[in-house]
Amino acid sequence: MTLKGLETQKIEPVIMAKRSGESKRGSSSNKPHL
């Protein structure tokens, strides 16, 4: 696996969590994910 692939695997779930988290509670609850 390439570095780019690893970074994408790390970033994509964060973006997903951000989107679902913002619609539920707010972006402040997603900071620990980063």
C-alpha atoms as a PDB file:
ATOM      1  CA  MET A   1       0.000   0.000   0.000  1.00  0.00           C
ATOM      2  CA  THR A   2       1.259   3.464  -0.869  1.00  0.00           C
ATOM      3  CA  LEU A   3       1.520   6.429   1.468  1.00  0.00           C
ATOM      4  CA  LYS A   4      -1.217   8.122  -0.529  1.00  0.00           C
ATOM      5  CA  GLY A   5      -3.485   5.136   0.038  1.00  0.00           C
ATOM      6  CA  LEU A   6      -2.813   5.162   3.774  1.00  0.00           C
ATOM      7  CA  GLU A   7      -3.512   8.882   4.000  1.00  0.00           C
ATOM      8  CA  THR A   8      -6.752   8.462   2.081  1.00  0.00           C
ATOM      9  CA  GLN A   9      -7.816   5.673   4.442  1.00  0.00           C
ATOM     10  CA  LYS A  10      -7.138   7.950   7.409  1.00  0.00           C
ATOM     11  CA  ILE A  11      -8.730  11.076   5.949  1.00  0.00           C
ATOM     12  CA  GLU A  12     -11.873   9.584   4.395  1.00  0.00           C
ATOM     13  CA  PRO A  13     -13.359   8.272   7.688  1.00  0.00           C
ATOM     14  CA  VAL A  14     -12.601  11.636   9.298  1.00  0.00           C
ATOM     15  CA  ILE A  15     -14.501  13.462   6.557  1.00  0.00           C
ATOM     16  CA  MET A  16     -17.382  11.002   6.875  1.00  0.00           C
ATOM     17  CA  ALA A  17     -17.439  11.433  10.657  1.00  0.00           C
ATOM     18  CA  LYS A  18     -17.341  15.190  10.221  1.00  0.00           C
ATOM     19  CA  ARG A  19     -20.303  15.181   7.841  1.00  0.00           C
ATOM     20  CA  SER A  20     -22.446  12.874   9.967  1.00  0.00           C
ATOM     21  CA  GLY A  21     -21.304  14.554  13.193  1.00  0.00           C
ATOM     22  CA  GLU A  22     -22.069  18.053  11.969  1.00  0.00           C
ATOM     23  CA  SER A  23     -25.592  17.074  10.987  1.00  0.00           C
ATOM     24  CA  LYS A  24     -26.137  15.430  14.396  1.00  0.00           C
ATOM     25  CA  ARG A  25     -24.322  17.468  17.057  1.00  0.00           C
ATOM     26  CA  GLY A  26     -21.861  19.946  15.580  1.00  0.00           C
ATOM     27  CA  SER A  27     -18.254  20.080  14.361  1.00  0.00           C
ATOM     28  CA  SER A  28     -16.882  20.419  17.912  1.00  0.00           C
ATOM     29  CA  SER A  29     -17.651  16.740  18.596  1.00  0.00           C
ATOM     30  CA  ASN A  30     -15.425  15.702  15.677  1.00  0.00           C
ATOM     31  CA  LYS A  31     -12.198  17.339  16.863  1.00  0.00           C
ATOM     32  CA  PRO A  32     -11.061  14.172  18.730  1.00  0.00           C
ATOM     33  CA  HIS A  33     -11.253  12.246  15.427  1.00  0.00           C
ATOM     34  CA  LEU A  34      -8.485  14.421  14.012  1.00  0.00           C
END
